[in-house]
């Protein structure tokens, strides 16, 4: 449910939905030069300010699988659709995103090709509007995690390893963090040093604690608000050989 958005008026927001019928403005396979400028930072300090000011992550609305797990026995995962409640949640998310942005801000959208995320994006368009959307791109790398036909305990182990490698979380951290609600917005904002942080004016420590963030994880988000791109958090477990 990824949505990257840029707050500078001369550069786009980039918006995306985690797993979302095609949106009213139509997915495209390419992206405009302006979007490439906003999202193609190589990680070097010189590219930091060409990155989006915000990345907004949006989970799909309530799906058939959320209310009835047996739905997966009748449909393949990628064909699971939204419920009526999920469609309303998506429209509410579109309104929330519209309220988050300034009047001159625009977005570029990345969306998973799954039916429920595409439907989420479609419903969001009804309340967000299309005039500020620079483009939409289906991004298969954002689809639901697919590890093949593993048993439950193996799946849990794989997910823990993924979180440890990608997010630099310990297994204990992974176990306490939970997903956002259906169609809930999670905002990552670029800090003064160029790193992204989940601590924002509207997303404070109390909200992150509800997601399960520990004191150590909150401290890392505070560090990211000001830390330069070429430094490491020496107090983080992976920096101290604790993974």
Protein backbone atom coordinates (compact mmCIF):
# COMPACT_ATOMS: atom_id res chain seq x y z
CA UNK A 1 0.00 0.00 0.00
CA UNK A 2 2.61 2.40 -1.03
CA UNK A 3 2.03 5.97 -1.95
CA UNK A 4 4.92 8.29 -2.36
CA UNK A 5 4.07 11.94 -2.47
CA UNK A 6 6.13 15.04 -3.09
CA UNK A 7 5.18 18.27 -1.37
CA UNK A 8 7.18 20.69 -3.46
CA UNK A 9 4.85 22.20 -6.04
CA UNK A 10 7.34 21.72 -8.90
CA UNK A 11 7.69 18.01 -8.15
CA UNK A 12 5.01 15.32 -7.86
CA UNK A 13 3.73 13.37 -4.94
CA UNK A 14 3.97 9.70 -5.62
CA UNK A 15 1.04 7.70 -4.44
CA UNK A 16 0.59 3.99 -4.17
CA UNK A 17 -1.74 1.34 -2.74
CA UNK A 18 -0.61 -2.00 -1.26
CA UNK A 19 -2.41 -4.91 -3.00
CA UNK A 20 -5.97 -2.16 -5.13
CA UNK A 21 -10.91 -2.67 -11.92
CA UNK A 22 -8.72 -0.02 -13.32
CA UNK A 23 -8.81 3.49 -11.82
CA UNK A 24 -10.85 6.14 -13.66
CA UNK A 25 -7.70 7.88 -14.81
CA UNK A 26 -6.17 4.65 -16.16
CA UNK A 27 -2.89 2.93 -15.21
CA UNK A 28 0.10 3.61 -17.42
CA UNK A 29 3.19 1.50 -17.89
CA UNK A 30 5.54 4.46 -17.97
CA UNK A 31 5.95 7.61 -15.95
CA UNK A 32 6.60 11.23 -16.87
CA UNK A 33 10.03 12.79 -16.65
CA UNK A 34 8.87 14.83 -13.65
CA UNK A 35 7.99 11.64 -11.77
CA UNK A 36 11.35 10.11 -12.60
CA UNK A 37 12.99 13.20 -11.19
CA UNK A 38 11.02 12.92 -7.99
CA UNK A 39 11.55 9.24 -7.29
CA UNK A 40 14.83 8.21 -8.83
CA UNK A 41 17.18 9.30 -6.03
CA UNK A 42 20.20 7.02 -6.04
CA UNK A 43 20.82 7.25 -2.32
CA UNK A 44 23.69 9.73 -2.65
CA UNK A 45 23.42 12.90 -0.65
CA UNK A 46 23.31 15.03 -3.79
CA UNK A 47 20.06 13.35 -4.87
CA UNK A 48 18.23 13.69 -1.56
CA UNK A 49 16.23 16.79 -2.42
CA UNK A 50 15.01 15.27 -5.69
CA UNK A 51 13.05 12.73 -3.68
CA UNK A 52 9.38 13.09 -2.75
CA UNK A 53 8.77 15.10 0.37
CA UNK A 54 6.25 12.51 1.53
CA UNK A 55 5.59 8.86 0.91
CA UNK A 56 2.02 7.92 1.81
CA UNK A 57 1.30 4.24 2.34
CA UNK A 58 -2.33 3.19 1.96
CA UNK A 59 -3.65 -0.27 2.69
CA UNK A 60 -6.53 -1.66 0.60
CA UNK A 61 -10.06 -1.39 1.99
CA UNK A 62 -11.84 -4.26 3.67
CA UNK A 63 -11.77 -7.27 1.35
CA UNK A 64 -13.75 -10.48 1.02
CA UNK A 65 -10.79 -12.29 2.57
CA UNK A 66 -10.77 -9.96 5.58
CA UNK A 67 -14.30 -10.96 6.56
CA UNK A 68 -14.30 -14.58 5.34
CA UNK A 69 -11.01 -16.46 5.07
CA UNK A 70 -12.76 -19.26 3.18
CA UNK A 71 -12.96 -16.82 0.22
CA UNK A 72 -9.40 -17.90 -0.61
CA UNK A 73 -10.73 -21.41 -1.23
CA UNK A 74 -13.05 -20.10 -3.94
CA UNK A 75 -10.89 -17.41 -5.55
CA UNK A 76 -7.18 -16.95 -6.19
CA UNK A 77 -5.63 -14.34 -3.90
CA UNK A 78 -5.21 -11.71 -6.63
CA UNK A 79 -8.94 -11.87 -7.52
CA UNK A 80 -10.23 -11.19 -4.00
CA UNK A 81 -12.45 -8.07 -4.15
CA UNK A 82 -13.50 -5.30 -1.79
CA UNK A 83 -16.66 -5.47 0.26
CA UNK A 84 -19.14 -2.57 0.20
CA UNK A 85 -17.60 -1.44 3.49
CA UNK A 86 -14.16 -1.61 1.90
CA UNK A 87 -15.26 0.59 -1.00
CA UNK A 88 -16.55 3.22 1.43
CA UNK A 89 -13.29 3.01 3.40
CA UNK A 90 -11.39 3.67 0.17
CA UNK A 91 -13.54 6.73 -0.61
CA UNK A 92 -12.85 7.99 2.91
CA UNK A 93 -9.12 7.43 2.33
CA UNK A 94 -9.30 9.53 -0.84
CA UNK A 95 -10.86 12.37 1.13
CA UNK A 96 -8.19 12.01 3.85
CA UNK A 97 -5.40 12.16 1.28
CA UNK A 98 -6.96 15.24 -0.31
CA UNK A 99 -7.05 16.94 3.10
CA UNK A 100 -3.39 16.02 3.69
CA UNK A 101 -2.11 17.76 0.57
CA UNK A 102 -1.76 21.46 -0.10
CA UNK A 103 -3.76 23.13 -2.89
CA UNK A 104 -0.84 23.10 -5.35
CA UNK A 105 0.41 19.59 -4.67
CA UNK A 106 0.13 16.69 -7.08
CA UNK A 107 0.66 12.95 -6.85
CA UNK A 108 2.05 10.06 -8.84
CA UNK A 109 0.50 6.70 -8.03
CA UNK A 110 2.02 3.24 -7.73
CA UNK A 111 -0.48 0.44 -7.19
CA UNK A 112 -0.34 -3.32 -6.77
CA UNK A 113 -2.04 -5.24 -9.63
CA UNK A 114 -4.28 -7.16 -7.19
CA UNK A 115 -8.03 -6.66 -7.65
CA UNK A 116 -8.62 -5.32 -4.13
CA UNK A 117 -5.95 -2.63 -4.45
CA UNK A 118 -7.05 -1.58 -7.92
CA UNK A 119 -10.61 -1.25 -6.61
CA UNK A 120 -9.29 0.74 -3.65
CA UNK A 121 -7.56 3.16 -6.01
CA UNK A 122 -10.67 3.44 -8.18
CA UNK A 123 -12.85 4.35 -5.20
CA UNK A 124 -10.24 6.79 -3.87
CA UNK A 125 -10.38 8.62 -7.19
CA UNK A 126 -14.07 9.37 -6.60
CA UNK A 127 -13.25 11.61 -3.62
CA UNK A 128 -9.66 12.64 -4.31
CA UNK A 129 -10.36 13.69 -7.89
CA UNK A 130 -8.18 13.21 -10.97
CA UNK A 131 -6.92 16.71 -11.73
CA UNK A 132 -3.87 16.42 -9.44
CA UNK A 133 -2.86 12.90 -10.42
CA UNK A 134 0.16 12.99 -12.71
CA UNK A 135 -0.01 9.32 -13.55
CA UNK A 136 -0.67 5.79 -12.33
CA UNK A 137 1.62 2.80 -12.60
CA UNK A 138 0.86 -0.82 -11.79
CA UNK A 139 3.81 -2.11 -9.77
CA UNK A 140 3.88 -5.90 -9.31
CA UNK A 141 6.64 -5.61 -6.70
CA UNK A 142 4.02 -4.10 -4.39
CA UNK A 143 1.71 -7.11 -4.53
CA UNK A 144 0.91 -9.34 -1.57
CA UNK A 145 3.86 -11.37 -0.27
CA UNK A 146 4.04 -14.70 -2.10
CA UNK A 147 6.48 -17.31 -0.79
CA UNK A 148 4.92 -20.29 -2.53
CA UNK A 149 3.22 -23.27 -0.89
CA UNK A 150 4.70 -23.26 2.62
CA UNK A 151 3.18 -24.42 5.88
CA UNK A 152 2.18 -21.78 8.44
CA UNK A 153 5.22 -22.02 10.69
CA UNK A 154 7.54 -21.75 7.68
CA UNK A 155 5.66 -18.69 6.43
CA UNK A 156 6.10 -16.94 9.77
CA UNK A 157 9.83 -17.62 9.74
CA UNK A 158 10.15 -16.26 6.21
CA UNK A 159 8.27 -13.08 7.06
CA UNK A 160 10.45 -12.51 10.12
CA UNK A 161 13.60 -12.88 8.04
CA UNK A 162 12.20 -10.47 5.43
CA UNK A 163 11.49 -7.80 8.04
CA UNK A 164 14.94 -8.23 9.59
CA UNK A 165 16.70 -7.86 6.26
CA UNK A 166 14.58 -5.09 4.72
CA UNK A 167 13.62 -2.99 7.70
CA UNK A 168 16.55 -3.83 9.98
CA UNK A 169 14.13 -5.00 12.66
CA UNK A 170 14.83 -7.78 15.10
CA UNK A 171 12.45 -10.73 15.28
CA UNK A 172 11.07 -9.33 18.54
CA UNK A 173 10.29 -6.01 16.84
CA UNK A 174 8.54 -7.77 13.97
CA UNK A 175 6.39 -9.74 16.39
CA UNK A 176 4.99 -6.64 18.14
CA UNK A 177 4.21 -4.53 15.05
CA UNK A 178 0.82 -4.94 13.39
CA UNK A 179 -0.72 -3.82 10.11
CA UNK A 180 -2.57 -0.52 9.75
CA UNK A 181 -6.34 -0.71 9.40
CA UNK A 182 -8.08 -1.16 6.07
CA UNK A 183 -7.64 1.93 3.88
CA UNK A 184 -5.64 3.64 6.63
CA UNK A 185 -2.98 6.18 5.62
CA UNK A 186 0.56 5.88 6.95
CA UNK A 187 2.80 8.85 6.14
CA UNK A 188 6.57 8.84 5.75
CA UNK A 189 8.03 12.35 5.64
CA UNK A 190 11.48 13.43 4.53
CA UNK A 191 13.49 14.78 7.43
CA UNK A 192 15.95 17.68 7.44
CA UNK A 193 18.85 15.35 6.58
CA UNK A 194 17.05 13.60 3.73
CA UNK A 195 15.97 10.40 5.48
CA UNK A 196 12.33 9.37 5.78
CA UNK A 197 10.65 9.14 9.15
CA UNK A 198 7.25 7.94 10.33
CA UNK A 199 7.18 10.66 13.00
CA UNK A 200 5.26 13.59 11.55
CA UNK A 201 3.09 16.43 12.83
CA UNK A 202 -0.07 14.34 12.34
CA UNK A 203 1.49 10.97 13.14
CA UNK A 204 2.98 11.25 16.60
CA UNK A 205 4.56 8.77 19.00
CA UNK A 206 1.17 7.78 20.41
CA UNK A 207 -0.01 6.62 16.98
CA UNK A 208 3.19 4.68 16.32
CA UNK A 209 2.82 3.01 19.71
CA UNK A 210 -0.61 1.81 18.58
CA UNK A 211 1.17 0.12 15.66
CA UNK A 212 3.34 -1.62 18.25
CA UNK A 213 6.51 0.47 18.02
CA UNK A 214 8.84 -0.01 20.98
CA UNK A 215 10.81 2.77 22.68
CA UNK A 216 13.87 1.72 20.68
CA UNK A 217 11.97 1.89 17.39
CA UNK A 218 10.54 5.31 18.27
CA UNK A 219 14.03 6.56 19.07
CA UNK A 220 15.17 5.41 15.63
CA UNK A 221 12.35 7.39 13.98
CA UNK A 222 13.37 10.48 15.95
CA UNK A 223 16.95 9.98 14.78
CA UNK A 224 15.81 9.73 11.15
CA UNK A 225 14.11 13.14 11.33
CA UNK A 226 17.47 14.93 11.39
CA UNK A 227 20.15 12.37 10.51
CA UNK A 228 22.15 12.92 7.30
CA UNK A 229 21.96 10.25 4.62
CA UNK A 230 25.61 9.26 5.00
CA UNK A 231 25.39 8.31 8.70
CA UNK A 232 24.23 5.21 10.58
CA UNK A 233 22.26 5.00 13.80
CA UNK A 234 24.95 3.58 16.09
CA UNK A 235 22.35 2.70 18.72
CA UNK A 236 20.33 0.49 16.36
CA UNK A 237 20.55 -3.30 16.91
CA UNK A 238 21.96 -4.02 13.45
CA UNK A 239 24.72 -1.47 14.01
CA UNK A 240 25.73 -3.27 17.20
CA UNK A 241 25.70 -6.78 15.79
CA UNK A 242 22.54 -7.82 17.60
CA UNK A 243 20.83 -9.53 14.67
